[in-house]
N, C-alpha and C. Protein backbone atom coordinates (compact mmCIF):
# COMPACT_ATOMS: atom_id res chain seq x y z
N MET A 1 179.12 163.28 139.43
CA MET A 1 178.51 161.97 139.23
C MET A 1 179.31 160.95 140.03
N THR A 2 178.64 160.14 140.78
CA THR A 2 179.32 159.16 141.63
C THR A 2 179.74 157.96 140.78
N ALA A 3 180.67 157.21 141.34
CA ALA A 3 181.18 156.03 140.63
C ALA A 3 180.08 154.98 140.45
N LEU A 4 179.20 154.86 141.44
CA LEU A 4 178.10 153.90 141.36
C LEU A 4 177.13 154.29 140.25
N ASN A 5 176.83 155.58 140.17
CA ASN A 5 175.94 156.09 139.12
C ASN A 5 176.54 155.86 137.74
N LEU A 6 177.85 156.13 137.62
CA LEU A 6 178.54 155.97 136.33
C LEU A 6 178.57 154.50 135.91
N SER A 7 178.87 153.63 136.86
CA SER A 7 178.94 152.20 136.51
C SER A 7 177.56 151.64 136.14
N SER A 8 176.49 152.12 136.79
CA SER A 8 175.16 151.63 136.42
C SER A 8 174.75 152.14 135.05
N ARG A 9 175.17 153.37 134.68
CA ARG A 9 174.87 153.88 133.33
C ARG A 9 175.63 153.09 132.27
N ILE A 10 176.89 152.78 132.55
CA ILE A 10 177.70 152.01 131.60
C ILE A 10 177.11 150.61 131.45
N LEU A 11 176.70 150.00 132.56
CA LEU A 11 176.08 148.68 132.51
C LEU A 11 174.78 148.73 131.71
N GLY A 12 173.94 149.74 131.94
CA GLY A 12 172.70 149.90 131.19
C GLY A 12 172.95 150.07 129.71
N LEU A 13 173.94 150.90 129.36
CA LEU A 13 174.29 151.11 127.95
C LEU A 13 174.80 149.81 127.33
N GLY A 14 175.57 149.07 128.09
CA GLY A 14 176.08 147.79 127.60
C GLY A 14 174.95 146.79 127.32
N LEU A 15 173.96 146.76 128.20
CA LEU A 15 172.82 145.87 128.00
C LEU A 15 172.02 146.26 126.76
N VAL A 16 171.85 147.56 126.54
CA VAL A 16 171.13 148.03 125.35
C VAL A 16 171.88 147.63 124.09
N VAL A 17 173.19 147.81 124.07
CA VAL A 17 174.01 147.43 122.91
C VAL A 17 173.94 145.92 122.69
N LEU A 18 174.04 145.16 123.77
CA LEU A 18 173.97 143.70 123.67
C LEU A 18 172.60 143.23 123.15
N ALA A 19 171.54 143.81 123.65
CA ALA A 19 170.19 143.43 123.22
C ALA A 19 169.96 143.79 121.76
N SER A 20 170.42 144.96 121.35
CA SER A 20 170.19 145.36 119.95
C SER A 20 171.07 144.58 118.99
N SER A 21 172.21 144.06 119.44
CA SER A 21 173.05 143.27 118.53
C SER A 21 172.45 141.89 118.26
N ALA A 22 171.56 141.44 119.15
CA ALA A 22 170.92 140.15 118.94
C ALA A 22 169.86 140.22 117.85
N CYS A 23 169.34 141.40 117.57
CA CYS A 23 168.31 141.58 116.53
C CYS A 23 169.01 141.97 115.24
N ARG A 24 169.34 140.99 114.44
CA ARG A 24 170.08 141.25 113.22
C ARG A 24 169.17 141.57 112.05
N GLY A 25 167.85 141.25 112.15
CA GLY A 25 166.94 141.56 111.07
C GLY A 25 166.97 140.56 109.94
N GLN A 26 167.57 139.40 110.14
CA GLN A 26 167.61 138.38 109.10
C GLN A 26 167.55 137.00 109.74
N THR A 27 167.23 135.99 108.93
CA THR A 27 167.15 134.63 109.42
C THR A 27 168.55 134.06 109.56
N SER A 28 168.79 133.42 110.68
CA SER A 28 170.10 132.83 110.92
C SER A 28 170.27 131.54 110.14
N SER A 29 171.47 131.32 109.66
CA SER A 29 171.77 130.05 108.98
C SER A 29 172.39 129.05 109.95
N GLU A 30 172.60 129.48 111.20
CA GLU A 30 173.17 128.61 112.22
C GLU A 30 172.12 127.60 112.69
N PRO A 31 172.52 126.40 113.07
CA PRO A 31 171.54 125.44 113.59
C PRO A 31 170.98 125.95 114.92
N PRO A 32 169.74 125.57 115.24
CA PRO A 32 169.15 126.06 116.49
C PRO A 32 169.88 125.49 117.71
N LEU A 33 169.88 126.26 118.76
CA LEU A 33 170.45 125.79 120.02
C LEU A 33 169.38 125.04 120.78
N VAL A 34 169.59 123.75 120.94
CA VAL A 34 168.62 122.92 121.65
C VAL A 34 169.34 122.30 122.84
N PRO A 35 169.00 122.75 124.06
CA PRO A 35 169.75 122.23 125.21
C PRO A 35 169.54 120.75 125.47
N GLU A 36 168.36 120.18 125.14
CA GLU A 36 168.08 118.76 125.39
C GLU A 36 168.08 118.03 124.06
N ARG A 37 169.23 117.56 123.62
CA ARG A 37 169.37 116.96 122.29
C ARG A 37 168.60 115.64 122.17
N ASN A 38 168.42 114.92 123.26
CA ASN A 38 167.75 113.63 123.17
C ASN A 38 166.30 113.75 122.71
N MET A 39 165.64 114.85 123.04
CA MET A 39 164.27 115.05 122.60
C MET A 39 164.22 115.58 121.17
N TYR A 40 165.30 116.21 120.73
CA TYR A 40 165.33 116.81 119.40
C TYR A 40 165.69 115.76 118.35
N MET A 41 166.57 114.86 118.68
CA MET A 41 167.04 113.84 117.75
C MET A 41 166.73 112.46 118.32
N GLN A 42 165.45 112.09 118.37
CA GLN A 42 165.06 110.82 118.96
C GLN A 42 165.27 109.68 117.97
N GLN A 43 165.62 108.53 118.52
CA GLN A 43 165.65 107.34 117.69
C GLN A 43 164.22 106.91 117.45
N ARG A 44 163.88 106.61 116.22
CA ARG A 44 162.51 106.21 115.91
C ARG A 44 162.53 105.39 114.63
N TYR A 45 161.42 104.70 114.39
CA TYR A 45 161.23 103.98 113.14
C TYR A 45 160.36 104.83 112.22
N ASN A 46 160.63 104.79 110.96
CA ASN A 46 159.75 105.43 109.98
C ASN A 46 158.57 104.51 109.72
N PRO A 47 157.40 105.07 109.40
CA PRO A 47 156.25 104.22 109.07
C PRO A 47 156.58 103.28 107.91
N GLN A 48 156.07 102.07 107.99
CA GLN A 48 156.25 101.05 106.95
C GLN A 48 157.69 100.55 106.83
N SER A 49 158.58 100.93 107.74
CA SER A 49 159.97 100.45 107.64
C SER A 49 160.10 99.09 108.34
N ARG A 50 161.24 98.45 108.13
CA ARG A 50 161.48 97.14 108.71
C ARG A 50 162.17 97.30 110.06
N SER A 51 161.98 96.32 110.92
CA SER A 51 162.57 96.34 112.25
C SER A 51 163.33 95.04 112.49
N THR A 52 164.50 95.16 113.03
CA THR A 52 165.23 93.95 113.42
C THR A 52 164.89 93.55 114.86
N PHE A 53 164.24 94.43 115.58
CA PHE A 53 163.89 94.16 116.97
C PHE A 53 162.73 93.19 117.10
N PHE A 54 161.69 93.37 116.26
CA PHE A 54 160.51 92.52 116.34
C PHE A 54 160.66 91.31 115.43
N GLU A 55 160.16 90.18 115.89
CA GLU A 55 160.31 88.93 115.17
C GLU A 55 159.69 88.96 113.77
N ASP A 56 158.54 89.63 113.64
CA ASP A 56 157.87 89.68 112.34
C ASP A 56 158.42 90.77 111.42
N GLY A 57 159.37 91.58 111.91
CA GLY A 57 160.02 92.58 111.08
C GLY A 57 159.23 93.86 110.88
N ARG A 58 158.03 93.97 111.50
CA ARG A 58 157.21 95.18 111.31
C ARG A 58 157.53 96.21 112.39
N THR A 59 157.51 97.49 112.00
CA THR A 59 157.66 98.55 112.99
C THR A 59 156.30 99.05 113.46
N MET A 60 155.29 98.96 112.62
CA MET A 60 153.96 99.44 112.98
C MET A 60 153.25 98.32 113.73
N ARG A 61 152.93 98.56 115.00
CA ARG A 61 152.40 97.53 115.86
C ARG A 61 150.92 97.74 116.15
N LYS A 62 150.20 96.65 116.28
CA LYS A 62 148.81 96.71 116.72
C LYS A 62 148.81 96.92 118.23
N PRO A 63 147.74 97.56 118.74
CA PRO A 63 147.67 97.70 120.21
C PRO A 63 147.65 96.33 120.89
N VAL A 64 148.18 96.27 122.08
CA VAL A 64 148.20 95.02 122.84
C VAL A 64 146.76 94.64 123.15
N GLU A 65 146.44 93.36 122.99
CA GLU A 65 145.07 92.88 123.23
C GLU A 65 144.60 93.22 124.64
N HIS A 66 143.33 93.55 124.74
CA HIS A 66 142.66 93.84 126.01
C HIS A 66 143.20 95.09 126.70
N THR A 67 143.81 95.99 125.92
CA THR A 67 144.24 97.28 126.46
C THR A 67 143.52 98.38 125.70
N PHE A 68 143.44 99.54 126.30
CA PHE A 68 142.82 100.66 125.61
C PHE A 68 143.48 101.95 126.10
N ALA A 69 143.44 102.96 125.24
CA ALA A 69 144.02 104.24 125.59
C ALA A 69 143.22 104.90 126.70
N ARG A 70 143.85 105.79 127.42
CA ARG A 70 143.22 106.43 128.56
C ARG A 70 141.93 107.14 128.19
N GLU A 71 141.90 107.76 126.98
CA GLU A 71 140.70 108.49 126.58
C GLU A 71 139.60 107.58 126.03
N MET A 72 139.88 106.31 125.87
CA MET A 72 138.87 105.37 125.36
C MET A 72 138.02 104.88 126.53
N ASN A 73 136.81 104.50 126.19
CA ASN A 73 135.90 103.98 127.21
C ASN A 73 135.81 102.46 127.06
N PRO A 74 136.03 101.70 128.13
CA PRO A 74 135.99 100.24 128.02
C PRO A 74 134.59 99.67 127.83
N SER A 75 133.56 100.49 128.02
CA SER A 75 132.19 100.02 127.86
C SER A 75 131.89 99.76 126.39
N ALA A 76 131.47 98.55 126.07
CA ALA A 76 131.15 98.21 124.67
C ALA A 76 130.00 99.06 124.15
N GLU A 77 129.09 99.44 125.04
CA GLU A 77 127.95 100.25 124.62
C GLU A 77 128.41 101.62 124.12
N ILE A 78 129.42 102.17 124.75
CA ILE A 78 129.91 103.48 124.35
C ILE A 78 130.97 103.38 123.25
N SER A 79 131.91 102.47 123.38
CA SER A 79 133.01 102.42 122.42
C SER A 79 132.66 101.69 121.12
N ASP A 80 131.67 100.78 121.15
CA ASP A 80 131.32 100.02 119.94
C ASP A 80 129.88 100.23 119.48
N GLY A 81 129.03 100.75 120.35
CA GLY A 81 127.63 100.92 120.00
C GLY A 81 126.82 99.65 120.14
N GLU A 82 127.40 98.64 120.79
CA GLU A 82 126.72 97.35 120.95
C GLU A 82 126.28 97.15 122.40
N LEU A 83 125.21 96.39 122.56
CA LEU A 83 124.74 96.04 123.90
C LEU A 83 125.80 95.22 124.61
N ALA A 84 125.85 95.32 125.92
CA ALA A 84 126.87 94.64 126.72
C ALA A 84 126.89 93.13 126.49
N ASP A 85 125.72 92.52 126.26
CA ASP A 85 125.67 91.07 126.05
C ASP A 85 125.91 90.68 124.59
N GLY A 86 126.15 91.66 123.72
CA GLY A 86 126.44 91.38 122.31
C GLY A 86 125.24 90.99 121.48
N SER A 87 124.04 91.19 122.00
CA SER A 87 122.84 90.74 121.30
C SER A 87 122.32 91.73 120.26
N GLY A 88 122.90 92.89 120.17
CA GLY A 88 122.44 93.88 119.20
C GLY A 88 123.06 95.24 119.46
N TYR A 89 122.47 96.24 118.82
CA TYR A 89 122.99 97.60 118.94
C TYR A 89 122.26 98.39 120.02
N VAL A 90 122.95 99.37 120.55
CA VAL A 90 122.35 100.31 121.50
C VAL A 90 121.27 101.09 120.76
N LEU A 91 120.11 101.24 121.36
CA LEU A 91 119.00 101.91 120.68
C LEU A 91 119.14 103.42 120.66
N ALA A 92 119.71 104.02 121.71
CA ALA A 92 119.83 105.47 121.79
C ALA A 92 121.22 105.84 122.29
N VAL A 93 121.60 107.09 122.08
CA VAL A 93 122.89 107.59 122.55
C VAL A 93 122.99 107.34 124.05
N PRO A 94 124.08 106.72 124.53
CA PRO A 94 124.21 106.42 125.96
C PRO A 94 124.15 107.67 126.83
N ASP A 95 123.49 107.54 127.98
CA ASP A 95 123.36 108.66 128.91
C ASP A 95 124.71 109.19 129.38
N ALA A 96 125.70 108.30 129.51
CA ALA A 96 127.03 108.73 129.97
C ALA A 96 127.65 109.72 129.00
N VAL A 97 127.42 109.52 127.70
CA VAL A 97 127.95 110.45 126.69
C VAL A 97 127.26 111.81 126.82
N VAL A 98 125.94 111.79 126.99
CA VAL A 98 125.19 113.04 127.15
C VAL A 98 125.68 113.78 128.39
N GLN A 99 125.93 113.06 129.47
CA GLN A 99 126.43 113.69 130.70
C GLN A 99 127.82 114.28 130.49
N ASP A 100 128.68 113.59 129.72
CA ASP A 100 130.03 114.11 129.45
C ASP A 100 129.97 115.46 128.75
N PHE A 101 128.98 115.65 127.89
CA PHE A 101 128.84 116.91 127.17
C PHE A 101 128.08 117.97 127.98
N GLY A 102 127.44 117.57 129.05
CA GLY A 102 126.69 118.51 129.85
C GLY A 102 125.28 118.76 129.34
N GLY A 103 124.69 117.78 128.68
CA GLY A 103 123.31 117.91 128.21
C GLY A 103 123.18 117.66 126.72
N MET A 104 121.95 117.29 126.31
CA MET A 104 121.71 116.94 124.90
C MET A 104 121.91 118.12 123.96
N ALA A 105 121.59 119.33 124.40
CA ALA A 105 121.78 120.50 123.53
C ALA A 105 123.25 120.65 123.14
N ASN A 106 124.16 120.42 124.08
CA ASN A 106 125.59 120.49 123.78
C ASN A 106 126.03 119.36 122.86
N VAL A 107 125.43 118.19 123.05
CA VAL A 107 125.75 117.04 122.19
C VAL A 107 125.38 117.37 120.74
N VAL A 108 124.18 117.89 120.55
CA VAL A 108 123.71 118.19 119.19
C VAL A 108 124.54 119.32 118.57
N ASP A 109 124.89 120.33 119.36
CA ASP A 109 125.73 121.42 118.84
C ASP A 109 127.09 120.89 118.38
N ARG A 110 127.69 120.05 119.20
CA ARG A 110 128.99 119.48 118.84
C ARG A 110 128.84 118.59 117.60
N GLY A 111 127.76 117.82 117.56
CA GLY A 111 127.51 116.95 116.42
C GLY A 111 127.34 117.73 115.14
N GLN A 112 126.67 118.87 115.20
CA GLN A 112 126.49 119.70 114.01
C GLN A 112 127.84 120.19 113.49
N ALA A 113 128.71 120.62 114.39
CA ALA A 113 130.03 121.09 113.98
C ALA A 113 130.84 119.95 113.34
N ARG A 114 130.83 118.77 113.96
CA ARG A 114 131.58 117.62 113.41
C ARG A 114 130.96 117.14 112.10
N PHE A 115 129.64 117.16 112.02
CA PHE A 115 128.95 116.74 110.80
C PHE A 115 129.37 117.63 109.64
N GLY A 116 129.46 118.93 109.89
CA GLY A 116 129.87 119.86 108.84
C GLY A 116 131.27 119.58 108.32
N ILE A 117 132.12 119.08 109.19
CA ILE A 117 133.50 118.78 108.78
C ILE A 117 133.61 117.43 108.08
N TYR A 118 133.09 116.39 108.72
CA TYR A 118 133.34 115.02 108.26
C TYR A 118 132.26 114.45 107.33
N CYS A 119 131.02 114.86 107.49
CA CYS A 119 129.92 114.19 106.80
C CYS A 119 129.34 114.97 105.63
N ALA A 120 129.26 116.30 105.78
CA ALA A 120 128.60 117.12 104.76
C ALA A 120 129.23 117.02 103.37
N PRO A 121 130.55 116.82 103.23
CA PRO A 121 131.09 116.72 101.86
C PRO A 121 130.41 115.63 101.02
N CYS A 122 129.98 114.56 101.64
CA CYS A 122 129.30 113.50 100.89
C CYS A 122 127.78 113.55 101.09
N HIS A 123 127.36 113.73 102.34
CA HIS A 123 125.93 113.64 102.67
C HIS A 123 125.19 114.96 102.51
N ASP A 124 125.85 116.04 102.31
CA ASP A 124 125.43 117.44 102.25
C ASP A 124 124.86 117.88 103.58
N LEU A 125 124.60 119.16 103.72
CA LEU A 125 124.18 119.70 105.03
C LEU A 125 122.79 119.27 105.45
N THR A 126 121.97 118.79 104.52
CA THR A 126 120.63 118.33 104.88
C THR A 126 120.57 116.83 105.10
N GLY A 127 121.64 116.11 104.79
CA GLY A 127 121.66 114.65 104.95
C GLY A 127 121.01 113.91 103.81
N SER A 128 120.81 114.57 102.67
CA SER A 128 120.12 113.92 101.54
C SER A 128 121.05 113.05 100.71
N GLY A 129 122.37 113.14 100.93
CA GLY A 129 123.31 112.32 100.16
C GLY A 129 123.71 112.94 98.85
N LYS A 130 123.61 114.25 98.72
CA LYS A 130 123.95 114.93 97.47
C LYS A 130 125.02 115.99 97.71
N GLY A 131 126.09 115.61 98.40
CA GLY A 131 127.16 116.54 98.74
C GLY A 131 128.05 116.88 97.57
N LYS A 132 129.03 117.73 97.83
CA LYS A 132 129.96 118.19 96.78
C LYS A 132 130.75 117.05 96.17
N VAL A 133 131.11 116.06 96.97
CA VAL A 133 131.86 114.92 96.45
C VAL A 133 131.01 114.14 95.45
N VAL A 134 129.73 114.03 95.73
CA VAL A 134 128.81 113.33 94.83
C VAL A 134 128.67 114.11 93.52
N GLU A 135 128.64 115.44 93.62
CA GLU A 135 128.56 116.27 92.41
C GLU A 135 129.77 116.06 91.50
N ARG A 136 130.87 115.61 92.09
CA ARG A 136 132.09 115.39 91.31
C ARG A 136 132.26 113.93 90.88
N GLY A 137 131.21 113.12 91.05
CA GLY A 137 131.24 111.79 90.46
C GLY A 137 131.22 110.61 91.39
N MET A 138 131.31 110.80 92.69
CA MET A 138 131.27 109.66 93.60
C MET A 138 129.84 109.13 93.68
N ALA A 139 129.72 107.83 93.86
CA ALA A 139 128.39 107.23 94.02
C ALA A 139 127.72 107.84 95.25
N PRO A 140 126.44 108.22 95.13
CA PRO A 140 125.80 108.90 96.26
C PRO A 140 125.55 107.96 97.44
N PRO A 141 125.80 108.46 98.66
CA PRO A 141 125.46 107.67 99.84
C PRO A 141 123.95 107.71 100.04
N PRO A 142 123.41 106.82 100.85
CA PRO A 142 121.96 106.86 101.10
C PRO A 142 121.58 108.13 101.86
N SER A 143 120.36 108.55 101.67
CA SER A 143 119.83 109.70 102.39
C SER A 143 119.54 109.29 103.84
N PHE A 144 119.84 110.19 104.77
CA PHE A 144 119.52 109.92 106.17
C PHE A 144 118.02 109.93 106.40
N HIS A 145 117.26 110.34 105.40
CA HIS A 145 115.81 110.44 105.55
C HIS A 145 115.09 109.20 105.03
N ASP A 146 115.86 108.20 104.55
CA ASP A 146 115.26 106.92 104.16
C ASP A 146 114.75 106.23 105.43
N ASP A 147 113.62 105.53 105.30
CA ASP A 147 113.04 104.84 106.46
C ASP A 147 114.02 103.87 107.10
N ARG A 148 114.81 103.19 106.27
CA ARG A 148 115.76 102.20 106.79
C ARG A 148 116.74 102.86 107.77
N ILE A 149 117.22 104.02 107.43
CA ILE A 149 118.19 104.70 108.29
C ILE A 149 117.50 105.41 109.45
N ARG A 150 116.32 105.93 109.20
CA ARG A 150 115.59 106.61 110.28
C ARG A 150 115.24 105.66 111.42
N HIS A 151 115.02 104.39 111.09
CA HIS A 151 114.65 103.39 112.11
C HIS A 151 115.84 102.54 112.57
N MET A 152 117.01 102.86 112.10
CA MET A 152 118.23 102.15 112.49
C MET A 152 118.58 102.51 113.94
N PRO A 153 119.00 101.55 114.76
CA PRO A 153 119.42 101.89 116.13
C PRO A 153 120.60 102.86 116.10
N ASP A 154 120.65 103.74 117.09
CA ASP A 154 121.75 104.70 117.15
C ASP A 154 123.11 104.01 117.19
N GLY A 155 123.18 102.87 117.88
CA GLY A 155 124.43 102.13 117.96
C GLY A 155 124.90 101.62 116.60
N GLN A 156 123.95 101.26 115.74
CA GLN A 156 124.31 100.79 114.39
C GLN A 156 124.87 101.96 113.57
N MET A 157 124.26 103.14 113.70
CA MET A 157 124.78 104.30 112.99
C MET A 157 126.18 104.65 113.52
N PHE A 158 126.37 104.56 114.83
CA PHE A 158 127.67 104.80 115.44
C PHE A 158 128.70 103.82 114.88
N ALA A 159 128.33 102.54 114.80
CA ALA A 159 129.24 101.52 114.27
C ALA A 159 129.57 101.78 112.80
N THR A 160 128.60 102.28 112.04
CA THR A 160 128.86 102.60 110.64
C THR A 160 129.85 103.74 110.52
N ILE A 161 129.69 104.77 111.35
CA ILE A 161 130.66 105.87 111.35
C ILE A 161 132.04 105.35 111.75
N SER A 162 132.07 104.48 112.74
CA SER A 162 133.34 103.96 113.25
C SER A 162 134.07 103.08 112.25
N HIS A 163 133.33 102.16 111.60
CA HIS A 163 133.98 101.15 110.76
C HIS A 163 133.83 101.39 109.26
N GLY A 164 132.97 102.33 108.88
CA GLY A 164 132.77 102.60 107.45
C GLY A 164 131.91 101.55 106.80
N VAL A 165 131.47 101.87 105.59
CA VAL A 165 130.67 100.94 104.80
C VAL A 165 130.75 101.37 103.34
N ARG A 166 130.91 100.43 102.44
CA ARG A 166 131.05 100.71 101.01
C ARG A 166 132.09 101.82 100.76
N ASN A 167 131.69 102.95 100.18
CA ASN A 167 132.64 104.03 99.89
C ASN A 167 133.03 104.85 101.11
N MET A 168 132.29 104.71 102.18
CA MET A 168 132.55 105.52 103.37
C MET A 168 133.73 104.95 104.16
N PRO A 169 134.73 105.78 104.43
CA PRO A 169 135.89 105.29 105.19
C PRO A 169 135.56 105.15 106.68
N PRO A 170 136.35 104.37 107.41
CA PRO A 170 136.15 104.28 108.86
C PRO A 170 136.70 105.53 109.54
N TYR A 171 135.99 106.00 110.53
CA TYR A 171 136.41 107.19 111.28
C TYR A 171 136.75 106.87 112.72
N ASN A 172 136.98 105.59 113.03
CA ASN A 172 137.22 105.21 114.42
C ASN A 172 138.52 105.77 114.98
N TYR A 173 139.47 106.15 114.14
CA TYR A 173 140.72 106.73 114.65
C TYR A 173 140.77 108.23 114.47
N SER A 174 140.00 108.78 113.54
CA SER A 174 140.09 110.22 113.28
C SER A 174 139.05 111.04 114.01
N ILE A 175 137.95 110.42 114.46
CA ILE A 175 136.93 111.15 115.22
C ILE A 175 136.82 110.49 116.59
N PRO A 176 137.00 111.25 117.68
CA PRO A 176 136.88 110.66 119.02
C PRO A 176 135.50 110.03 119.26
N VAL A 177 135.44 109.10 120.18
CA VAL A 177 134.21 108.34 120.45
C VAL A 177 133.03 109.26 120.73
N ASN A 178 133.19 110.19 121.66
CA ASN A 178 132.06 111.06 122.01
C ASN A 178 131.62 111.93 120.84
N ASP A 179 132.56 112.33 119.99
CA ASP A 179 132.19 113.12 118.81
C ASP A 179 131.39 112.28 117.81
N ARG A 180 131.70 110.98 117.72
CA ARG A 180 130.91 110.12 116.83
C ARG A 180 129.48 110.01 117.35
N TRP A 181 129.32 109.90 118.68
CA TRP A 181 127.97 109.87 119.26
C TRP A 181 127.28 111.21 119.03
N ALA A 182 128.03 112.30 119.10
CA ALA A 182 127.45 113.62 118.86
C ALA A 182 126.94 113.73 117.42
N ILE A 183 127.68 113.16 116.48
CA ILE A 183 127.23 113.17 115.08
C ILE A 183 125.92 112.39 114.95
N VAL A 184 125.84 111.24 115.61
CA VAL A 184 124.60 110.45 115.58
C VAL A 184 123.44 111.29 116.11
N SER A 185 123.66 111.99 117.21
CA SER A 185 122.60 112.83 117.79
C SER A 185 122.18 113.92 116.81
N TYR A 186 123.16 114.52 116.15
CA TYR A 186 122.83 115.57 115.19
C TYR A 186 122.06 115.02 113.99
N VAL A 187 122.45 113.84 113.51
CA VAL A 187 121.73 113.23 112.39
C VAL A 187 120.27 112.98 112.79
N ARG A 188 120.04 112.51 114.02
CA ARG A 188 118.67 112.29 114.48
C ARG A 188 117.90 113.61 114.52
N ALA A 189 118.54 114.68 114.98
CA ALA A 189 117.88 116.00 114.99
C ALA A 189 117.62 116.47 113.56
N LEU A 190 118.55 116.21 112.67
CA LEU A 190 118.40 116.58 111.26
C LEU A 190 117.23 115.83 110.63
N GLU A 191 117.11 114.55 110.95
CA GLU A 191 116.00 113.76 110.43
C GLU A 191 114.66 114.33 110.90
N LEU A 192 114.60 114.70 112.16
CA LEU A 192 113.36 115.28 112.69
C LEU A 192 113.03 116.61 112.03
N SER A 193 114.05 117.42 111.80
CA SER A 193 113.79 118.74 111.21
C SER A 193 113.37 118.65 109.74
N GLN A 194 113.79 117.58 109.07
CA GLN A 194 113.49 117.43 107.66
C GLN A 194 112.34 116.45 107.41
N ALA A 195 111.74 115.94 108.47
CA ALA A 195 110.74 114.87 108.33
C ALA A 195 109.57 115.24 107.43
N GLY A 196 109.10 116.46 107.49
CA GLY A 196 107.95 116.85 106.68
C GLY A 196 108.29 117.11 105.22
N GLU A 197 109.60 117.26 104.91
CA GLU A 197 110.01 117.62 103.55
C GLU A 197 110.33 116.42 102.68
N HIS A 198 110.43 115.23 103.26
CA HIS A 198 110.85 114.05 102.47
C HIS A 198 109.78 112.98 102.49
């Protein structure tokens, strides 16, 4: 056996022993090794805490006026459901939203999925307003099949989802803009499918 062969076998055996010693089969009580400590232990404010940096003492700040996040749309018709001149609500889901989803069928599919998560607990899967939460004592929301809601502009329904009404909480921060429009589209499809039954 040559010296090179012997040294490579010893090196290989050493690597096997080293690798197997790292697997101890138990959870370590040692703190984790984090090479970039600044990202692991960041200075931050806790929610609702006081700040000496800001004049009003609040740590939770409102967004700067006339700014919007990158994923937000500056168009009032899309982000608020209102006509650009402020004279009323958008009558139908904006074409730009439909294009973002790649067609109305995709919008309705996405809306059905979001409706099942956010709306069905109160409104139930048919939109009649008799969901599980209502069965447990909450005041029932109106049925989506009422004439008042069926003839409501899509922008008004979008604004209601965004800002809430009565017992309904606002979803403007928890549901993205396009998903709120998708829910509106699904509700309209639901109304059409249930039209003969109500």
